[in-house]
Amino acid sequence: MMNGSRKGGPRSEEDLLMAVIHDMRGHLRTSVSRAQMIERDASTPLAPHLRKHLNDILTAGRDMDQLLNRLAQYAAAGAGQESQPAGDIGIMFNSALRRLAERNHHAEIDSQAILQCGIEVPYAIEGVLRELLDNALKFRQGPVKITVLLEQSFEKCSFGIRDTGIGFDPEYYERIMRPLERLHPPNVYEGCGMGLAICQRIIQSLGGRLWAESKLNAGSTFWFTVAV
């Protein structure tokens, strides 16, 4: 039975979610390893329908593992961000692009505004940039063009990631910001509907705001603010 407290106090939502993820991973590993053992130790070649069942189990296991990883990222995004060290946001942008190298080939990216601004932000912002760039590269229609925008005032900066992708109807904005919400089936666009929820959780934990401007089939711009 789970202990309902830590150091004498109630568990946070993040702690509870991480505890559930940990337990689910244990059950998942057991199920997948048993399926692999059956496949490995079968004394005769498996009938086609049995092999299909095993393959379905292993595929579902990989999908579930990906979902649990994303849920863990979501839980971690809500705590401790404000105490993180800061770094140059332009360097973070380049790092995010490198992590997406398999996706961003042939994309036209105008990043001058963010690379030359010299603004320092908490390192958690790199995760936000990576998620927003990933969406801009994923939800494409034709050639990809991404433009980074910057609006700066005395107390805060607003950064925008503008794309030329499929966009969305603004009435669905609240829906796509919720965890596990998707506007498209996974066989059309991969993912489990966690990226924007993770971004919003990070930005809110830093006292900022995330919002979007979009029209269906006319691209999107996702904005976020950071204090300076």
Protein backbone atom coordinates (compact mmCIF):
# COMPACT_ATOMS: atom_id res chain seq x y z
CA MET A 1 0.00 0.00 0.00
CA MET A 2 1.34 3.45 -0.85
CA ASN A 3 2.39 5.68 1.99
CA GLY A 4 0.28 8.83 1.88
CA SER A 5 2.98 11.18 3.08
CA ARG A 6 6.61 12.11 2.65
CA LYS A 7 8.62 13.62 5.49
CA GLY A 8 5.42 14.03 7.48
CA GLY A 9 3.46 15.93 4.84
CA PRO A 10 1.07 15.04 2.03
CA ARG A 11 2.48 13.94 -1.28
CA SER A 12 2.42 16.43 -4.10
CA GLU A 13 0.59 15.64 -7.33
CA GLU A 14 3.98 15.23 -9.03
CA ASP A 15 5.11 12.67 -6.44
CA LEU A 16 1.89 10.69 -6.75
CA LEU A 17 2.09 10.65 -10.54
CA MET A 18 5.74 9.54 -10.49
CA ALA A 19 4.89 6.75 -8.02
CA VAL A 20 2.11 5.49 -10.30
CA ILE A 21 4.42 5.67 -13.34
CA HIS A 22 7.07 3.68 -11.46
CA ASP A 23 4.59 0.93 -10.57
CA MET A 24 3.16 0.78 -14.09
CA ARG A 25 6.64 0.49 -15.58
CA GLY A 26 7.29 -2.54 -13.36
CA HIS A 27 4.12 -4.27 -14.57
CA LEU A 28 4.90 -3.32 -18.16
CA ARG A 29 8.42 -4.74 -18.01
CA THR A 30 7.08 -7.99 -16.59
CA SER A 31 4.48 -8.37 -19.35
CA VAL A 32 6.92 -7.57 -22.16
CA SER A 33 9.66 -9.84 -20.79
CA ARG A 34 7.20 -12.75 -20.52
CA ALA A 35 6.15 -12.25 -24.14
CA GLN A 36 9.80 -12.19 -25.20
CA MET A 37 10.47 -15.40 -23.24
CA ILE A 38 7.57 -17.17 -24.96
CA GLU A 39 8.92 -16.10 -28.34
CA ARG A 40 12.46 -17.19 -27.46
CA ASP A 41 11.70 -20.48 -25.68
CA ALA A 42 8.96 -21.89 -27.92
CA SER A 43 9.94 -25.47 -28.77
CA THR A 44 8.42 -25.23 -32.26
CA PRO A 45 7.93 -22.27 -34.62
CA LEU A 46 4.92 -20.26 -33.57
CA ALA A 47 1.80 -20.38 -35.70
CA PRO A 48 1.26 -17.14 -37.63
CA HIS A 49 -1.69 -16.05 -35.49
CA LEU A 50 0.28 -16.62 -32.27
CA ARG A 51 3.27 -14.68 -33.58
CA LYS A 52 0.91 -11.83 -34.48
CA HIS A 53 -0.47 -11.83 -30.92
CA LEU A 54 3.07 -11.65 -29.51
CA ASN A 55 4.04 -8.87 -31.90
CA ASP A 56 0.92 -6.95 -30.87
CA ILE A 57 1.92 -7.31 -27.20
CA LEU A 58 5.46 -6.06 -27.87
CA THR A 59 4.22 -3.13 -29.97
CA ALA A 60 1.72 -2.15 -27.29
CA GLY A 61 4.51 -2.39 -24.73
CA ARG A 62 6.70 0.03 -26.68
CA ASP A 63 3.79 2.45 -27.07
CA MET A 64 2.99 2.24 -23.37
CA ASP A 65 6.64 2.82 -22.46
CA GLN A 66 6.67 5.97 -24.62
CA LEU A 67 3.49 7.21 -22.95
CA LEU A 68 4.92 6.62 -19.46
CA ASN A 69 8.08 8.51 -20.43
CA ARG A 70 5.97 11.45 -21.56
CA LEU A 71 3.89 11.35 -18.38
CA ALA A 72 7.12 11.38 -16.36
CA GLN A 73 8.27 14.45 -18.31
CA TYR A 74 4.92 16.10 -17.59
CA ALA A 75 5.23 15.40 -13.87
CA ALA A 76 8.81 16.69 -13.74
CA ALA A 77 7.86 19.84 -15.67
CA GLY A 78 5.77 21.10 -12.78
CA ALA A 79 8.40 21.28 -10.07
CA GLY A 80 11.71 22.99 -9.40
CA GLN A 81 11.96 24.93 -12.66
CA GLU A 82 12.27 28.33 -11.00
CA SER A 83 15.50 27.30 -9.22
CA GLN A 84 17.25 26.11 -12.38
CA PRO A 85 20.43 27.85 -13.59
CA ALA A 86 20.09 30.07 -16.65
CA GLY A 87 21.80 30.06 -20.02
CA ASP A 88 21.73 31.76 -23.42
CA ILE A 89 18.44 30.99 -25.16
CA GLY A 90 20.15 31.03 -28.57
CA ILE A 91 22.44 28.19 -27.50
CA MET A 92 19.39 26.30 -26.22
CA PHE A 93 17.64 26.82 -29.56
CA ASN A 94 20.56 25.33 -31.47
CA SER A 95 20.69 22.41 -29.04
CA ALA A 96 16.97 21.77 -29.56
CA LEU A 97 17.47 21.80 -33.34
CA ARG A 98 20.31 19.27 -33.09
CA ARG A 99 18.07 16.92 -31.14
CA LEU A 100 15.55 17.14 -33.99
CA ALA A 101 18.12 16.64 -36.75
CA GLU A 102 16.23 13.71 -38.29
CA ARG A 103 13.16 15.89 -38.74
CA ASN A 104 14.56 19.29 -39.65
CA HIS A 105 16.39 18.48 -42.87
CA HIS A 106 15.18 20.63 -45.77
CA ALA A 107 13.34 22.95 -43.37
CA GLU A 108 13.85 26.69 -43.84
CA ILE A 109 14.44 28.17 -40.40
CA ASP A 110 14.82 31.89 -39.70
CA SER A 111 16.26 31.96 -36.18
CA GLN A 112 18.21 35.23 -36.24
CA ALA A 113 15.98 36.87 -33.61
CA ILE A 114 16.66 34.23 -30.97
CA LEU A 115 20.30 33.52 -31.82
CA GLN A 116 21.39 37.14 -31.53
CA CYS A 117 19.30 38.38 -28.62
CA GLY A 118 21.69 37.18 -25.86
CA ILE A 119 18.86 36.65 -23.38
CA GLU A 120 19.44 34.22 -20.51
CA VAL A 121 16.57 31.95 -19.43
CA PRO A 122 16.22 28.85 -17.22
CA TYR A 123 17.46 25.69 -18.93
CA ALA A 124 13.94 24.22 -18.83
CA ILE A 125 13.13 26.55 -21.74
CA GLU A 126 15.15 24.29 -24.04
CA GLY A 127 12.49 21.63 -23.53
CA VAL A 128 9.80 24.12 -24.56
CA LEU A 129 11.73 25.06 -27.70
CA ARG A 130 12.23 21.40 -28.59
CA GLU A 131 8.53 20.58 -28.23
CA LEU A 132 7.39 23.60 -30.24
CA LEU A 133 9.93 23.00 -33.00
CA ASP A 134 8.99 19.32 -33.10
CA ASN A 135 5.34 20.26 -33.62
CA ALA A 136 6.24 22.75 -36.35
CA LEU A 137 8.22 20.05 -38.16
CA LYS A 138 5.66 17.30 -37.58
CA PHE A 139 2.42 19.05 -38.56
CA ARG A 140 3.69 20.13 -41.94
CA GLN A 141 2.02 20.66 -45.29
CA GLY A 142 4.49 21.03 -48.10
CA PRO A 143 7.86 22.77 -47.57
CA VAL A 144 8.52 23.71 -43.95
CA LYS A 145 9.33 27.30 -43.02
CA ILE A 146 9.82 28.22 -39.37
CA THR A 147 10.34 31.78 -38.17
CA VAL A 148 11.33 32.73 -34.63
CA LEU A 149 9.84 36.00 -33.39
CA LEU A 150 10.88 38.17 -30.46
CA GLU A 151 9.01 40.94 -28.65
CA GLN A 152 10.92 42.49 -25.75
CA SER A 153 9.86 44.84 -22.98
CA PHE A 154 11.46 46.01 -19.73
CA GLU A 155 10.20 43.09 -17.61
CA LYS A 156 9.65 40.21 -20.03
CA CYS A 157 10.33 38.77 -23.46
CA SER A 158 7.88 36.98 -25.69
CA PHE A 159 9.19 34.42 -28.17
CA GLY A 160 7.10 33.05 -31.02
CA ILE A 161 7.61 29.93 -33.13
CA ARG A 162 5.76 30.50 -36.41
CA ASP A 163 5.27 27.70 -38.93
CA THR A 164 3.58 27.14 -42.28
CA GLY A 165 1.95 23.85 -41.27
CA ILE A 166 -1.60 22.56 -41.08
CA GLY A 167 -2.67 24.89 -38.28
CA PHE A 168 -5.85 24.30 -36.27
CA ASP A 169 -9.23 25.86 -35.61
CA PRO A 170 -8.84 28.27 -32.64
CA GLU A 171 -11.89 26.74 -30.97
CA TYR A 172 -9.75 23.67 -30.23
CA TYR A 173 -6.98 25.57 -28.44
CA GLU A 174 -8.04 24.63 -24.90
CA ARG A 175 -8.35 21.02 -25.95
CA ILE A 176 -4.87 20.66 -27.45
CA MET A 177 -3.30 22.16 -24.32
CA ARG A 178 -4.70 19.37 -22.12
CA PRO A 179 -2.63 16.21 -21.50
CA LEU A 180 -3.34 13.26 -23.81
CA GLU A 181 -5.60 15.28 -26.13
CA ARG A 182 -5.14 14.86 -29.88
CA LEU A 183 -6.87 16.36 -32.91
CA HIS A 184 -5.53 13.65 -35.24
CA PRO A 185 -5.31 9.84 -34.94
CA PRO A 186 -1.84 8.41 -34.18
CA ASN A 187 -1.62 6.70 -37.56
CA VAL A 188 -1.71 10.16 -39.19
CA TYR A 189 0.61 12.08 -36.84
CA GLU A 190 2.71 10.25 -34.29
CA GLY A 191 2.74 11.17 -30.62
CA CYS A 192 0.51 10.85 -27.58
CA GLY A 193 -0.75 14.39 -27.10
CA MET A 194 1.63 15.49 -24.32
CA GLY A 195 3.99 18.02 -25.93
CA LEU A 196 1.96 21.21 -25.51
CA ALA A 197 0.82 20.22 -22.03
CA ILE A 198 4.47 19.80 -21.03
CA CYS A 199 5.31 23.21 -22.51
CA GLN A 200 2.48 24.91 -20.67
CA ARG A 201 3.44 23.26 -17.38
CA ILE A 202 7.06 24.44 -17.71
CA ILE A 203 6.13 27.99 -18.69
CA GLN A 204 3.53 28.32 -15.91
CA SER A 205 5.99 27.01 -13.33
CA LEU A 206 8.31 29.87 -14.38
CA GLY A 207 5.54 32.44 -14.03
CA GLY A 208 5.10 32.92 -17.77
CA ARG A 209 2.32 32.37 -20.27
CA LEU A 210 1.90 30.20 -23.38
CA TRP A 211 -0.63 30.92 -26.11
CA ALA A 212 -1.20 30.36 -29.81
CA GLU A 213 -2.40 32.11 -32.95
CA SER A 214 -3.59 29.77 -35.68
CA LYS A 215 -6.01 29.12 -38.52
CA LEU A 216 -6.83 25.79 -40.08
CA ASN A 217 -4.52 25.11 -43.06
CA ALA A 218 -2.76 28.45 -42.51
CA GLY A 219 0.00 27.66 -40.01
CA SER A 220 0.42 28.44 -36.32
CA THR A 221 2.44 30.68 -34.06
CA PHE A 222 3.04 29.52 -30.51
CA TRP A 223 4.13 32.27 -28.14
CA PHE A 224 5.62 32.06 -24.66
CA THR A 225 6.83 34.68 -22.22
CA VAL A 226 9.84 34.61 -19.92
CA ALA A 227 10.88 37.13 -17.28
CA VAL A 228 14.13 39.04 -17.84
